[in-house]
C-alpha atoms as a PDB file:
ATOM      1  CA  UNK A   1       3.110   6.540 -25.025  1.00  0.00           C
ATOM      2  CA  UNK A   2      -0.379   8.009 -24.763  1.00  0.00           C
ATOM      3  CA  UNK A   3      -1.167  11.256 -22.943  1.00  0.00           C
ATOM      4  CA  UNK A   4      -2.799   9.513 -19.972  1.00  0.00           C
ATOM      5  CA  UNK A   5       0.358   7.514 -19.248  1.00  0.00           C
ATOM      6  CA  UNK A   6       2.452  10.679 -19.547  1.00  0.00           C
ATOM      7  CA  UNK A   7       0.141  12.519 -17.161  1.00  0.00           C
ATOM      8  CA  UNK A   8       0.190   9.634 -14.678  1.00  0.00           C
ATOM      9  CA  UNK A   9       3.982   9.365 -14.831  1.00  0.00           C
ATOM     10  CA  UNK A  10       4.364  13.147 -14.435  1.00  0.00           C
ATOM     11  CA  UNK A  11       1.949  13.114 -11.488  1.00  0.00           C
ATOM     12  CA  UNK A  12       3.819  10.272  -9.788  1.00  0.00           C
ATOM     13  CA  UNK A  13       7.193  11.914 -10.426  1.00  0.00           C
ATOM     14  CA  UNK A  14       5.932  15.150  -8.910  1.00  0.00           C
ATOM     15  CA  UNK A  15       4.611  13.273  -5.887  1.00  0.00           C
ATOM     16  CA  UNK A  16       7.562  11.090  -4.980  1.00  0.00           C
ATOM     17  CA  UNK A  17       6.365   8.090  -6.990  1.00  0.00           C
ATOM     18  CA  UNK A  18       3.166   7.736  -4.990  1.00  0.00           C
ATOM     19  CA  UNK A  19      -0.376   8.277  -6.069  1.00  0.00           C
ATOM     20  CA  UNK A  20      -2.486  10.468  -3.818  1.00  0.00           C
ATOM     21  CA  UNK A  21      -5.676   8.742  -4.881  1.00  0.00           C
ATOM     22  CA  UNK A  22      -7.629   7.039  -2.115  1.00  0.00           C
ATOM     23  CA  UNK A  23      -6.485   3.437  -2.407  1.00  0.00           C
ATOM     24  CA  UNK A  24      -9.669   1.549  -1.752  1.00  0.00           C
ATOM     25  CA  UNK A  25      -9.465  -2.208  -2.231  1.00  0.00           C
ATOM     26  CA  UNK A  26     -11.266  -2.044  -5.557  1.00  0.00           C
ATOM     27  CA  UNK A  27      -8.885   0.611  -6.932  1.00  0.00           C
ATOM     28  CA  UNK A  28      -5.752  -1.084  -5.689  1.00  0.00           C
ATOM     29  CA  UNK A  29      -6.614  -4.496  -7.123  1.00  0.00           C
ATOM     30  CA  UNK A  30      -5.837  -3.406 -10.666  1.00  0.00           C
ATOM     31  CA  UNK A  31      -3.200  -0.728 -10.195  1.00  0.00           C
ATOM     32  CA  UNK A  32       0.360  -1.641 -11.156  1.00  0.00           C
ATOM     33  CA  UNK A  33       3.397   0.455 -11.975  1.00  0.00           C
ATOM     34  CA  UNK A  34       5.271  -1.666 -14.517  1.00  0.00           C
ATOM     35  CA  UNK A  35       2.654  -3.599 -16.465  1.00  0.00           C
ATOM     36  CA  UNK A  36       0.359  -1.953 -18.949  1.00  0.00           C
ATOM     37  CA  UNK A  37      -1.824  -4.998 -19.468  1.00  0.00           C
ATOM     38  CA  UNK A  38      -4.870  -5.395 -17.253  1.00  0.00           C
ATOM     39  CA  UNK A  39      -4.485  -7.890 -14.452  1.00  0.00           C
ATOM     40  CA  UNK A  40      -6.053 -11.309 -14.780  1.00  0.00           C
ATOM     41  CA  UNK A  41      -8.626 -12.450 -12.249  1.00  0.00           C
ATOM     42  CA  UNK A  42      -5.955 -14.623 -10.629  1.00  0.00           C
ATOM     43  CA  UNK A  43      -3.572 -11.677 -10.356  1.00  0.00           C
ATOM     44  CA  UNK A  44      -6.315  -9.483  -8.876  1.00  0.00           C
ATOM     45  CA  UNK A  45      -6.995 -12.216  -6.319  1.00  0.00           C
ATOM     46  CA  UNK A  46      -3.266 -12.458  -5.503  1.00  0.00           C
ATOM     47  CA  UNK A  47      -3.006  -8.692  -4.994  1.00  0.00           C
ATOM     48  CA  UNK A  48      -6.192  -8.717  -2.882  1.00  0.00           C
ATOM     49  CA  UNK A  49      -4.742 -11.568  -0.795  1.00  0.00           C
ATOM     50  CA  UNK A  50      -1.499  -9.604  -0.397  1.00  0.00           C
ATOM     51  CA  UNK A  51      -3.425  -6.519   0.754  1.00  0.00           C
ATOM     52  CA  UNK A  52      -5.428  -8.634   3.215  1.00  0.00           C
ATOM     53  CA  UNK A  53      -2.155 -10.107   4.511  1.00  0.00           C
ATOM     54  CA  UNK A  54      -0.651  -6.639   4.924  1.00  0.00           C
ATOM     55  CA  UNK A  55      -3.733  -5.320   6.737  1.00  0.00           C
ATOM     56  CA  UNK A  56      -3.749  -8.322   9.091  1.00  0.00           C
ATOM     57  CA  UNK A  57       0.002  -8.169   9.814  1.00  0.00           C
ATOM     58  CA  UNK A  58       0.582  -4.415  10.129  1.00  0.00           C
ATOM     59  CA  UNK A  59      -0.515  -1.985  12.803  1.00  0.00           C
ATOM     60  CA  UNK A  60      -2.758   0.854  11.748  1.00  0.00           C
ATOM     61  CA  UNK A  61      -1.335   4.294  12.368  1.00  0.00           C
ATOM     62  CA  UNK A  62      -3.607   6.618  14.340  1.00  0.00           C
ATOM     63  CA  UNK A  63      -3.168   9.655  12.116  1.00  0.00           C
ATOM     64  CA  UNK A  64      -5.449  11.787  14.301  1.00  0.00           C
ATOM     65  CA  UNK A  65      -3.212  11.307  17.347  1.00  0.00           C
ATOM     66  CA  UNK A  66      -0.023  11.831  15.352  1.00  0.00           C
ATOM     67  CA  UNK A  67      -1.369  15.055  13.836  1.00  0.00           C
ATOM     68  CA  UNK A  68      -2.574  16.269  17.238  1.00  0.00           C
ATOM     69  CA  UNK A  69       0.839  15.503  18.755  1.00  0.00           C
ATOM     70  CA  UNK A  70       2.556  17.445  15.979  1.00  0.00           C
ATOM     71  CA  UNK A  71       0.285  20.463  16.542  1.00  0.00           C
ATOM     72  CA  UNK A  72       0.790  20.344  20.305  1.00  0.00           C
ATOM     73  CA  UNK A  73       4.591  20.134  19.899  1.00  0.00           C
ATOM     74  CA  UNK A  74       4.735  23.019  17.421  1.00  0.00           C
ATOM     75  CA  UNK A  75       2.314  25.444  19.087  1.00  0.00           C
ATOM     76  CA  UNK A  76       1.414  26.464  22.626  1.00  0.00           C
ATOM     77  CA  UNK A  77      -0.660  29.009  24.481  1.00  0.00           C
ATOM     78  CA  UNK A  78       1.894  29.489  27.283  1.00  0.00           C
ATOM     79  CA  UNK A  79       2.817  32.962  26.040  1.00  0.00           C
ATOM     80  CA  UNK A  80      -0.849  34.000  26.268  1.00  0.00           C
ATOM     81  CA  UNK A  81      -0.893  33.007  29.934  1.00  0.00           C
ATOM     82  CA  UNK A  82      -3.765  32.723  32.351  1.00  0.00           C
ATOM     83  CA  UNK A  83      -6.323  29.997  31.808  1.00  0.00           C
ATOM     84  CA  UNK A  84      -5.174  29.659  28.196  1.00  0.00           C
ATOM     85  CA  UNK A  85      -1.682  28.423  29.092  1.00  0.00           C
ATOM     86  CA  UNK A  86      -2.858  24.847  29.676  1.00  0.00           C
ATOM     87  CA  UNK A  87      -5.016  24.540  26.540  1.00  0.00           C
ATOM     88  CA  UNK A  88      -4.125  22.036  23.863  1.00  0.00           C
ATOM     89  CA  UNK A  89      -3.625  23.741  20.473  1.00  0.00           C
ATOM     90  CA  UNK A  90      -4.874  20.676  18.615  1.00  0.00           C
ATOM     91  CA  UNK A  91      -8.088  20.549  20.642  1.00  0.00           C
ATOM     92  CA  UNK A  92      -8.685  24.287  20.258  1.00  0.00           C
ATOM     93  CA  UNK A  93      -8.221  24.123  16.482  1.00  0.00           C
ATOM     94  CA  UNK A  94     -10.397  21.007  16.195  1.00  0.00           C
ATOM     95  CA  UNK A  95     -13.254  22.595  18.165  1.00  0.00           C
ATOM     96  CA  UNK A  96     -13.015  26.210  17.001  1.00  0.00           C
ATOM     97  CA  UNK A  97     -12.293  25.641  13.301  1.00  0.00           C
ATOM     98  CA  UNK A  98     -12.874  22.001  12.277  1.00  0.00           C
ATOM     99  CA  UNK A  99     -12.473  22.863   8.572  1.00  0.00           C
ATOM    100  CA  UNK A 100      -9.004  24.340   9.144  1.00  0.00           C
ATOM    101  CA  UNK A 101      -8.160  21.300  11.282  1.00  0.00           C
ATOM    102  CA  UNK A 102      -9.159  18.857   8.490  1.00  0.00           C
ATOM    103  CA  UNK A 103      -7.368  20.910   5.816  1.00  0.00           C
ATOM    104  CA  UNK A 104      -4.241  21.048   7.950  1.00  0.00           C
ATOM    105  CA  UNK A 105      -4.433  17.324   8.622  1.00  0.00           C
ATOM    106  CA  UNK A 106      -4.769  16.569   4.902  1.00  0.00           C
ATOM    107  CA  UNK A 107      -1.751  18.778   4.154  1.00  0.00           C
ATOM    108  CA  UNK A 108       0.176  17.025   6.932  1.00  0.00           C
ATOM    109  CA  UNK A 109      -0.787  13.609   5.505  1.00  0.00           C
ATOM    110  CA  UNK A 110       0.500  14.691   2.086  1.00  0.00           C
ATOM    111  CA  UNK A 111       3.813  15.487   3.731  1.00  0.00           C
ATOM    112  CA  UNK A 112       3.874  12.082   5.450  1.00  0.00           C
ATOM    113  CA  UNK A 113       3.366  10.083   2.245  1.00  0.00           C
ATOM    114  CA  UNK A 114       6.985   8.890   2.318  1.00  0.00           C
ATOM    115  CA  UNK A 115       6.474   7.157   5.653  1.00  0.00           C
ATOM    116  CA  UNK A 116       2.781   6.195   5.496  1.00  0.00           C
ATOM    117  CA  UNK A 117       0.882   4.050   3.009  1.00  0.00           C
ATOM    118  CA  UNK A 118      -2.878   4.170   2.676  1.00  0.00           C
ATOM    119  CA  UNK A 119      -4.660   0.854   2.205  1.00  0.00           C
ATOM    120  CA  UNK A 120      -8.443   0.648   2.257  1.00  0.00           C
ATOM    121  CA  UNK A 121      -8.708   4.094   3.869  1.00  0.00           C
ATOM    122  CA  UNK A 122      -6.320   3.288   6.732  1.00  0.00           C
ATOM    123  CA  UNK A 123      -2.691   4.296   7.101  1.00  0.00           C
ATOM    124  CA  UNK A 124       0.235   1.977   7.811  1.00  0.00           C
ATOM    125  CA  UNK A 125       3.976   2.537   8.273  1.00  0.00           C
ATOM    126  CA  UNK A 126       5.790   2.062   4.985  1.00  0.00           C
ATOM    127  CA  UNK A 127       8.510  -0.112   6.553  1.00  0.00           C
ATOM    128  CA  UNK A 128       5.951  -2.530   8.026  1.00  0.00           C
ATOM    129  CA  UNK A 129       4.013  -2.677   4.760  1.00  0.00           C
ATOM    130  CA  UNK A 130       7.126  -3.426   2.705  1.00  0.00           C
ATOM    131  CA  UNK A 131       8.221  -6.111   5.171  1.00  0.00           C
ATOM    132  CA  UNK A 132       4.788  -7.752   5.121  1.00  0.00           C
ATOM    133  CA  UNK A 133       4.674  -7.515   1.327  1.00  0.00           C
ATOM    134  CA  UNK A 134       8.080  -9.216   1.156  1.00  0.00           C
ATOM    135  CA  UNK A 135       6.905 -12.017   3.448  1.00  0.00           C
ATOM    136  CA  UNK A 136       3.820 -12.559   1.286  1.00  0.00           C
ATOM    137  CA  UNK A 137       5.888 -12.643  -1.913  1.00  0.00           C
ATOM    138  CA  UNK A 138       8.355 -15.030  -0.246  1.00  0.00           C
ATOM    139  CA  UNK A 139       5.416 -17.349   0.475  1.00  0.00           C
ATOM    140  CA  UNK A 140       4.369 -17.196  -3.177  1.00  0.00           C
ATOM    141  CA  UNK A 141       7.963 -17.881  -4.220  1.00  0.00           C
ATOM    142  CA  UNK A 142       8.040 -20.947  -1.955  1.00  0.00           C
ATOM    143  CA  UNK A 143       4.853 -22.201  -3.616  1.00  0.00           C
ATOM    144  CA  UNK A 144       6.463 -21.584  -7.007  1.00  0.00           C
ATOM    145  CA  UNK A 145       9.551 -23.594  -5.991  1.00  0.00           C
ATOM    146  CA  UNK A 146       7.333 -26.486  -4.904  1.00  0.00           C
ATOM    147  CA  UNK A 147       5.553 -26.412  -8.265  1.00  0.00           C
ATOM    148  CA  UNK A 148       8.877 -26.334 -10.098  1.00  0.00           C
ATOM    149  CA  UNK A 149      10.117 -29.322  -8.067  1.00  0.00           C
ATOM    150  CA  UNK A 150       6.894 -31.155  -8.868  1.00  0.00           C
ATOM    151  CA  UNK A 151       7.393 -30.383 -12.574  1.00  0.00           C
ATOM    152  CA  UNK A 152      10.971 -31.672 -12.406  1.00  0.00           C
ATOM    153  CA  UNK A 153       9.729 -34.909 -10.857  1.00  0.00           C
ATOM    154  CA  UNK A 154       7.138 -35.243 -13.619  1.00  0.00           C
ATOM    155  CA  UNK A 155       9.772 -34.706 -16.306  1.00  0.00           C
ATOM    156  CA  UNK A 156      11.312 -37.967 -15.211  1.00  0.00           C
ATOM    157  CA  UNK A 157       8.033 -39.848 -15.624  1.00  0.00           C
ATOM    158  CA  UNK A 158       7.026 -38.049 -18.854  1.00  0.00           C
ATOM    159  CA  UNK A 159       3.357 -37.554 -17.893  1.00  0.00           C
ATOM    160  CA  UNK A 160       2.624 -34.825 -20.483  1.00  0.00           C
ATOM    161  CA  UNK A 161      -0.925 -33.928 -19.417  1.00  0.00           C
ATOM    162  CA  UNK A 162       0.017 -33.490 -15.797  1.00  0.00           C
ATOM    163  CA  UNK A 163       3.225 -31.685 -16.750  1.00  0.00           C
ATOM    164  CA  UNK A 164       1.249 -29.201 -18.844  1.00  0.00           C
ATOM    165  CA  UNK A 165      -1.128 -28.568 -15.939  1.00  0.00           C
ATOM    166  CA  UNK A 166       1.823 -27.947 -13.596  1.00  0.00           C
ATOM    167  CA  UNK A 167       3.436 -25.656 -16.196  1.00  0.00           C
ATOM    168  CA  UNK A 168       0.226 -23.605 -16.341  1.00  0.00           C
ATOM    169  CA  UNK A 169       0.222 -23.333 -12.530  1.00  0.00           C
ATOM    170  CA  UNK A 170       3.858 -22.224 -12.604  1.00  0.00           C
ATOM    171  CA  UNK A 171       3.073 -19.533 -15.178  1.00  0.00           C
ATOM    172  CA  UNK A 172       0.100 -18.275 -13.143  1.00  0.00           C
ATOM    173  CA  UNK A 173       2.168 -18.238  -9.942  1.00  0.00           C
ATOM    174  CA  UNK A 174       4.931 -16.256 -11.686  1.00  0.00           C
ATOM    175  CA  UNK A 175       2.309 -13.774 -12.912  1.00  0.00           C
ATOM    176  CA  UNK A 176       0.874 -13.495  -9.378  1.00  0.00           C
ATOM    177  CA  UNK A 177       4.331 -12.786  -7.955  1.00  0.00           C
ATOM    178  CA  UNK A 178       4.968 -10.177 -10.622  1.00  0.00           C
ATOM    179  CA  UNK A 179       1.612  -8.475  -9.956  1.00  0.00           C
ATOM    180  CA  UNK A 180       2.336  -8.332  -6.211  1.00  0.00           C
ATOM    181  CA  UNK A 181       5.842  -6.974  -6.770  1.00  0.00           C
ATOM    182  CA  UNK A 182       4.627  -4.346  -9.246  1.00  0.00           C
ATOM    183  CA  UNK A 183       1.612  -3.241  -7.203  1.00  0.00           C
ATOM    184  CA  UNK A 184       1.692   0.486  -6.433  1.00  0.00           C
ATOM    185  CA  UNK A 185       0.249   1.682  -3.159  1.00  0.00           C
END
């Protein structure tokens, strides 16, 4: 195992199995956990289609509102009294010290990485993403079953050229399913 793989594995182990790298579409097309070989163009397209499916099916999480809610629940100005008692801690921090607000939000997001997944710069609930991913893979599996049935029908007629073409499609579909299953967010 080379040093880069060891460093990547150590980094993922230290971070709950998740990469903290911004998962833009271009980066996520080729990233897998189990395979060491680069993805084929077809596999990259399958992963890109899966990501597009996930983005279209899942609701984006408004991380700004969730962070603001957390700040407002944890802190208050009621003990200060007077006109300050009705101020929102999140708004005060955002306006008075925007750098501290952004740093705090980034730290909060790091802590939420078990429940949120970043795709193309937006955050989604992990449960929704995994459900949508499963639905997409189920669709690919259905397509694979249809191809296998078609190959079984061709076996009976012994059309070798067409059977070889179907076998190639089956292999590519299996590789696409594997790439989608192995894709790391």
